[in-house]
Amino acid sequence: MDIELSLPKKILVALVILGCIIVTGAILSNYYPIGVDWEYTYNRLSLTDPYSIKSFINPPFTILFLPHSFLPIRLGNTINIILNISVVLFAVRKLGGDWKSIGLIFTSPVFFDLCRTNNIEWLPLLGLTIGPNLGSVFLICKPQSLGFALIIWAKRNWKILLLPTGVVLLSFVVWGFWPLDVAFSPINKSFNFSVLPIGLPYGVYLLWRSWKEDDEYLAAVSTPFFVPYIAPYSFVGILTVLACKYPKAAPWFYFGIWAFAIIEFRRNFLA
């Protein structure tokens, strides 16, 4: 049963939540380790020459959504990990998840990897959660995470593609033909978890089903089967969608990635 709060109580709840965020931020700022990706990539970005940082491979307009990257490193690191956590919680709420969903996500090895790196997975997950329009721009900041949701959005209304296309074209005006400036290729690195070409048939099947059922979330889940590069932490968004929208499939994915993580740990560190 929904409980309707009066305006003073709503204000009080908002203040309590804000206070919790401030206290949590203060604690994290002092004690939370600085993420690897935050320290060596995002904290060093230049608005005028983003690809002077070799490990930066996102579209340059991604920087516009990361104003906290220009703050002192500990403060920016804290803001980003809070965004990674709070956007997951927001997505669980919006996508109809529950406490089981939260438990699966926050105890998964891919979430632990996100905490270690403090990458910007909150951006594509937020884009998928809020839907087309601005959400499409968020998705193309890291298209290898959940980007195939754009296919179903465009199927419903092709005009959805006008904004992200316009943003990309404008970025060529501002930063030049920036794909030629991307100097780093992670495709052959050990942290690349792409399943190409083995997973391609299953990806095609998922994409076909998503088209047939008009399901952007299933299309988003199919994304990793088509991309040549995806890092472990990028599966946080996939797991969030599975845990909320496809709860029967989520445990299989959860235990599968745990089994893989344990096998890899034993092979690399206990051999």
Protein backbone atom coordinates (compact mmCIF):
# COMPACT_ATOMS: atom_id res chain seq x y z
CA MET A 1 0.00 0.00 0.00
CA ASP A 2 1.42 3.39 -1.02
CA ILE A 3 1.76 5.97 1.73
CA GLU A 4 1.22 9.57 0.70
CA LEU A 5 3.53 11.90 2.63
CA SER A 6 2.70 15.48 3.43
CA LEU A 7 4.95 18.21 2.03
CA PRO A 8 6.83 18.81 5.35
CA LYS A 9 7.50 15.07 5.66
CA LYS A 10 8.70 14.91 2.06
CA ILE A 11 11.09 17.78 2.77
CA LEU A 12 12.30 16.02 5.93
CA VAL A 13 12.89 12.75 4.04
CA ALA A 14 14.77 14.65 1.32
CA LEU A 15 16.95 16.35 3.94
CA VAL A 16 17.68 13.03 5.66
CA ILE A 17 18.69 11.45 2.35
CA LEU A 18 20.84 14.45 1.49
CA GLY A 19 22.48 14.27 4.91
CA CYS A 20 23.22 10.57 4.43
CA ILE A 21 24.79 11.28 1.05
CA ILE A 22 26.97 14.05 2.51
CA VAL A 23 28.11 11.91 5.45
CA THR A 24 28.77 8.94 3.18
CA GLY A 25 30.68 11.17 0.78
CA ALA A 26 32.81 12.59 3.58
CA ILE A 27 33.70 9.09 4.79
CA LEU A 28 34.45 7.79 1.31
CA SER A 29 36.52 10.84 0.45
CA ASN A 30 38.90 10.06 3.29
CA TYR A 31 39.00 6.27 3.22
CA TYR A 32 37.83 4.91 -0.12
CA PRO A 33 40.76 3.87 -2.37
CA ILE A 34 41.15 5.83 -5.57
CA GLY A 35 39.96 3.77 -8.53
CA VAL A 36 42.55 2.66 -11.05
CA ASP A 37 40.68 4.04 -14.04
CA TRP A 38 39.72 7.19 -12.21
CA GLU A 39 43.33 7.90 -11.25
CA TYR A 40 45.02 7.10 -14.54
CA THR A 41 42.33 8.09 -17.04
CA TYR A 42 39.37 10.21 -16.05
CA ASN A 43 41.06 12.41 -13.46
CA ARG A 44 43.67 13.45 -16.03
CA LEU A 45 41.38 14.39 -18.90
CA SER A 46 41.76 17.60 -20.85
CA LEU A 47 38.66 19.16 -22.34
CA THR A 48 40.57 20.44 -25.36
CA ASP A 49 42.75 17.37 -25.96
CA PRO A 50 41.13 14.32 -24.31
CA TYR A 51 43.18 11.80 -26.29
CA SER A 52 46.43 13.06 -24.81
CA ILE A 53 45.50 10.43 -22.20
CA LYS A 54 46.19 7.23 -24.14
CA SER A 55 43.83 5.07 -22.09
CA PHE A 56 40.83 7.27 -22.90
CA ILE A 57 38.84 5.63 -25.71
CA ASN A 58 35.35 7.08 -25.15
CA PRO A 59 33.83 9.70 -27.44
CA PRO A 60 35.18 13.13 -26.39
CA PHE A 61 31.77 14.52 -25.44
CA THR A 62 31.76 12.03 -22.55
CA ILE A 63 33.85 14.58 -20.67
CA LEU A 64 30.88 16.96 -20.60
CA PHE A 65 29.06 14.52 -18.30
CA LEU A 66 32.07 14.26 -15.97
CA PRO A 67 32.57 17.73 -14.47
CA HIS A 68 33.73 16.05 -11.26
CA SER A 69 36.78 14.76 -13.16
CA PHE A 70 38.22 18.28 -12.88
CA LEU A 71 37.87 18.35 -9.09
CA PRO A 72 40.62 17.23 -6.70
CA ILE A 73 41.18 13.53 -7.27
CA ARG A 74 39.74 12.26 -3.97
CA LEU A 75 36.60 14.36 -4.28
CA GLY A 76 36.03 13.38 -7.90
CA ASN A 77 36.69 9.73 -7.07
CA THR A 78 34.12 9.87 -4.28
CA ILE A 79 31.46 11.51 -6.46
CA ASN A 80 31.97 8.92 -9.17
CA ILE A 81 31.67 5.87 -6.91
CA ILE A 82 28.53 7.37 -5.37
CA LEU A 83 27.14 7.79 -8.90
CA ASN A 84 28.01 4.18 -9.74
CA ILE A 85 26.15 2.94 -6.67
CA SER A 86 23.20 5.33 -6.71
CA VAL A 87 22.47 4.86 -10.44
CA VAL A 88 22.36 1.08 -9.93
CA LEU A 89 19.85 1.59 -7.11
CA PHE A 90 17.88 4.04 -9.25
CA ALA A 91 17.84 1.53 -12.13
CA VAL A 92 16.67 -1.28 -9.84
CA ARG A 93 13.83 0.92 -8.69
CA LYS A 94 12.84 2.03 -12.20
CA LEU A 95 13.16 -1.42 -13.77
CA GLY A 96 11.04 -3.14 -11.16
CA GLY A 97 13.75 -4.96 -9.24
CA ASP A 98 13.76 -5.88 -5.56
CA TRP A 99 16.15 -6.70 -2.71
CA LYS A 100 17.15 -9.93 -4.43
CA SER A 101 18.19 -7.89 -7.44
CA ILE A 102 20.29 -5.59 -5.28
CA GLY A 103 21.88 -8.57 -3.55
CA LEU A 104 22.90 -10.19 -6.84
CA ILE A 105 24.38 -6.98 -8.23
CA PHE A 106 26.30 -5.79 -5.18
CA THR A 107 27.81 -9.20 -4.36
CA SER A 108 28.95 -9.95 -7.91
CA PRO A 109 32.62 -9.97 -8.97
CA VAL A 110 31.86 -7.53 -11.78
CA PHE A 111 30.58 -4.98 -9.25
CA PHE A 112 33.72 -5.50 -7.14
CA ASP A 113 35.74 -4.85 -10.29
CA LEU A 114 33.78 -1.64 -10.86
CA CYS A 115 34.60 -0.56 -7.30
CA ARG A 116 38.28 -1.33 -7.94
CA THR A 117 38.46 0.66 -11.18
CA ASN A 118 35.76 3.28 -10.49
CA ASN A 119 34.98 3.52 -14.20
CA ILE A 120 31.91 5.37 -15.51
CA GLU A 121 29.41 2.54 -15.97
CA TRP A 122 26.75 4.72 -14.37
CA LEU A 123 26.50 6.69 -17.63
CA PRO A 124 25.17 3.97 -20.01
CA LEU A 125 23.05 2.43 -17.25
CA LEU A 126 21.46 5.80 -16.55
CA GLY A 127 20.88 6.25 -20.27
CA LEU A 128 19.06 2.92 -20.56
CA THR A 129 17.03 3.66 -17.44
CA ILE A 130 15.77 7.10 -18.44
CA GLY A 131 15.03 5.96 -22.00
CA PRO A 132 15.44 7.71 -25.39
CA ASN A 133 16.23 11.37 -25.97
CA LEU A 134 19.10 12.26 -23.60
CA GLY A 135 19.47 8.60 -22.65
CA SER A 136 20.63 7.79 -26.18
CA VAL A 137 23.58 10.17 -25.79
CA PHE A 138 24.53 8.55 -22.49
CA LEU A 139 24.45 5.14 -24.17
CA ILE A 140 26.89 6.08 -26.92
CA CYS A 141 29.40 7.33 -24.35
CA LYS A 142 30.08 3.61 -23.74
CA PRO A 143 28.22 1.79 -26.54
CA GLN A 144 29.86 -1.57 -25.76
CA SER A 145 27.97 -1.78 -22.46
CA LEU A 146 24.26 -1.54 -23.32
CA GLY A 147 24.27 0.24 -26.67
CA PHE A 148 22.07 -2.13 -28.67
CA ALA A 149 19.01 -0.77 -26.87
CA LEU A 150 19.26 2.01 -29.47
CA ILE A 151 18.12 -0.47 -32.13
CA ILE A 152 14.73 -0.98 -30.51
CA TRP A 153 14.33 2.71 -29.70
CA ALA A 154 15.02 3.52 -33.35
CA LYS A 155 12.58 0.81 -34.46
CA ARG A 156 9.83 2.60 -32.55
CA ASN A 157 10.81 6.04 -33.76
CA TRP A 158 13.78 6.63 -36.08
CA LYS A 159 13.92 10.28 -34.99
CA ILE A 160 15.45 9.07 -31.73
CA LEU A 161 18.72 8.77 -33.68
CA LEU A 162 18.78 12.47 -34.59
CA LEU A 163 20.16 13.62 -31.23
CA PRO A 164 23.05 11.14 -30.87
CA THR A 165 23.91 11.55 -34.55
CA GLY A 166 23.92 15.32 -34.16
CA VAL A 167 26.11 15.09 -31.06
CA VAL A 168 28.65 12.90 -32.88
CA LEU A 169 28.74 15.22 -35.92
CA LEU A 170 29.13 18.26 -33.69
CA SER A 171 31.96 16.51 -31.84
CA PHE A 172 33.83 16.26 -35.17
CA VAL A 173 33.54 20.03 -35.50
CA VAL A 174 34.81 20.66 -31.97
CA TRP A 175 37.48 17.93 -31.64
CA GLY A 176 38.20 17.05 -35.27
CA PHE A 177 37.87 13.52 -36.63
CA TRP A 178 38.71 12.14 -33.20
CA PRO A 179 38.52 8.36 -34.00
CA LEU A 180 41.95 8.80 -35.60
CA ASP A 181 43.27 10.21 -32.30
CA VAL A 182 42.37 7.14 -30.24
CA ALA A 183 45.80 5.61 -29.68
CA PHE A 184 45.01 2.75 -27.31
CA SER A 185 43.45 -0.57 -28.37
CA PRO A 186 42.28 -2.81 -25.52
CA ILE A 187 41.10 -5.63 -27.82
CA ASN A 188 44.07 -7.93 -27.16
CA LYS A 189 44.41 -7.09 -23.47
CA SER A 190 43.78 -9.59 -20.68
CA PHE A 191 40.90 -7.49 -19.31
CA ASN A 192 38.94 -7.80 -22.56
CA PHE A 193 36.00 -10.13 -21.88
CA SER A 194 34.56 -10.07 -25.41
CA VAL A 195 33.09 -13.41 -26.50
CA LEU A 196 33.45 -12.78 -30.24
CA PRO A 197 33.13 -14.77 -32.42
CA ILE A 198 31.94 -17.71 -30.29
CA GLY A 199 29.02 -15.84 -28.74
CA LEU A 200 27.79 -14.25 -31.98
CA PRO A 201 25.03 -16.82 -32.74
CA TYR A 202 23.52 -16.40 -29.27
CA GLY A 203 23.75 -12.62 -29.61
CA VAL A 204 21.88 -12.80 -32.92
CA TYR A 205 19.21 -14.92 -31.27
CA LEU A 206 18.78 -12.44 -28.39
CA LEU A 207 18.66 -9.50 -30.79
CA TRP A 208 16.09 -11.28 -32.97
CA ARG A 209 13.94 -11.94 -29.91
CA SER A 210 14.27 -8.35 -28.73
CA TRP A 211 13.17 -7.11 -32.17
CA LYS A 212 10.25 -9.52 -32.28
CA GLU A 213 9.13 -8.68 -28.72
CA ASP A 214 9.97 -4.95 -29.00
CA ASP A 215 12.16 -5.24 -25.90
CA GLU A 216 14.97 -2.70 -25.56
CA TYR A 217 16.24 -4.38 -22.39
CA LEU A 218 16.80 -7.71 -24.12
CA ALA A 219 18.56 -5.83 -26.92
CA ALA A 220 20.78 -4.17 -24.32
CA VAL A 221 21.66 -7.58 -22.87
CA SER A 222 22.65 -8.79 -26.35
CA THR A 223 25.25 -6.02 -26.76
CA PRO A 224 28.34 -7.84 -25.37
CA PHE A 225 27.92 -10.65 -27.91
CA PHE A 226 28.58 -8.23 -30.79
CA VAL A 227 31.40 -5.99 -29.55
CA PRO A 228 35.15 -6.68 -29.89
CA TYR A 229 35.88 -5.20 -26.46
CA ILE A 230 34.12 -5.16 -23.11
CA ALA A 231 35.69 -5.01 -19.63
CA PRO A 232 34.41 -7.02 -16.63
CA TYR A 233 32.96 -3.98 -14.86
CA SER A 234 30.81 -3.21 -17.92
CA PHE A 235 28.73 -6.29 -17.08
CA VAL A 236 27.31 -4.48 -14.04
CA GLY A 237 24.70 -2.91 -16.32
CA ILE A 238 23.94 -6.27 -17.92
CA LEU A 239 23.51 -7.91 -14.52
CA THR A 240 21.28 -5.05 -13.36
CA VAL A 241 18.97 -5.53 -16.33
CA LEU A 242 18.93 -9.31 -15.90
CA ALA A 243 18.26 -9.11 -12.16
CA CYS A 244 15.32 -6.74 -12.65
CA LYS A 245 13.79 -7.84 -15.95
CA TYR A 246 14.80 -11.48 -16.30
CA PRO A 247 15.13 -12.86 -12.73
CA LYS A 248 15.21 -16.49 -13.89
CA ALA A 249 18.28 -15.87 -16.07
CA ALA A 250 20.08 -13.62 -13.57
CA PRO A 251 21.28 -16.38 -11.16
CA TRP A 252 22.78 -18.35 -14.05
CA PHE A 253 24.75 -15.30 -15.11
CA TYR A 254 25.67 -14.47 -11.50
CA PHE A 255 27.04 -17.92 -10.63
CA GLY A 256 28.65 -18.20 -14.05
CA ILE A 257 30.74 -15.07 -13.56
CA TRP A 258 31.62 -16.15 -10.02
CA ALA A 259 32.80 -19.53 -11.32
CA PHE A 260 34.86 -17.82 -14.01
CA ALA A 261 36.36 -15.38 -11.49
CA ILE A 262 37.37 -18.21 -9.13
CA ILE A 263 38.90 -20.25 -11.95
CA GLU A 264 40.86 -17.24 -13.21
CA PHE A 265 42.09 -16.40 -9.70
CA ARG A 266 43.31 -19.95 -9.14
CA ARG A 267 44.97 -20.07 -12.56
CA ASN A 268 46.77 -16.73 -12.18
CA PHE A 269 47.60 -16.57 -8.48
CA LEU A 270 47.56 -20.11 -7.05
CA ALA A 271 49.16 -22.03 -9.87
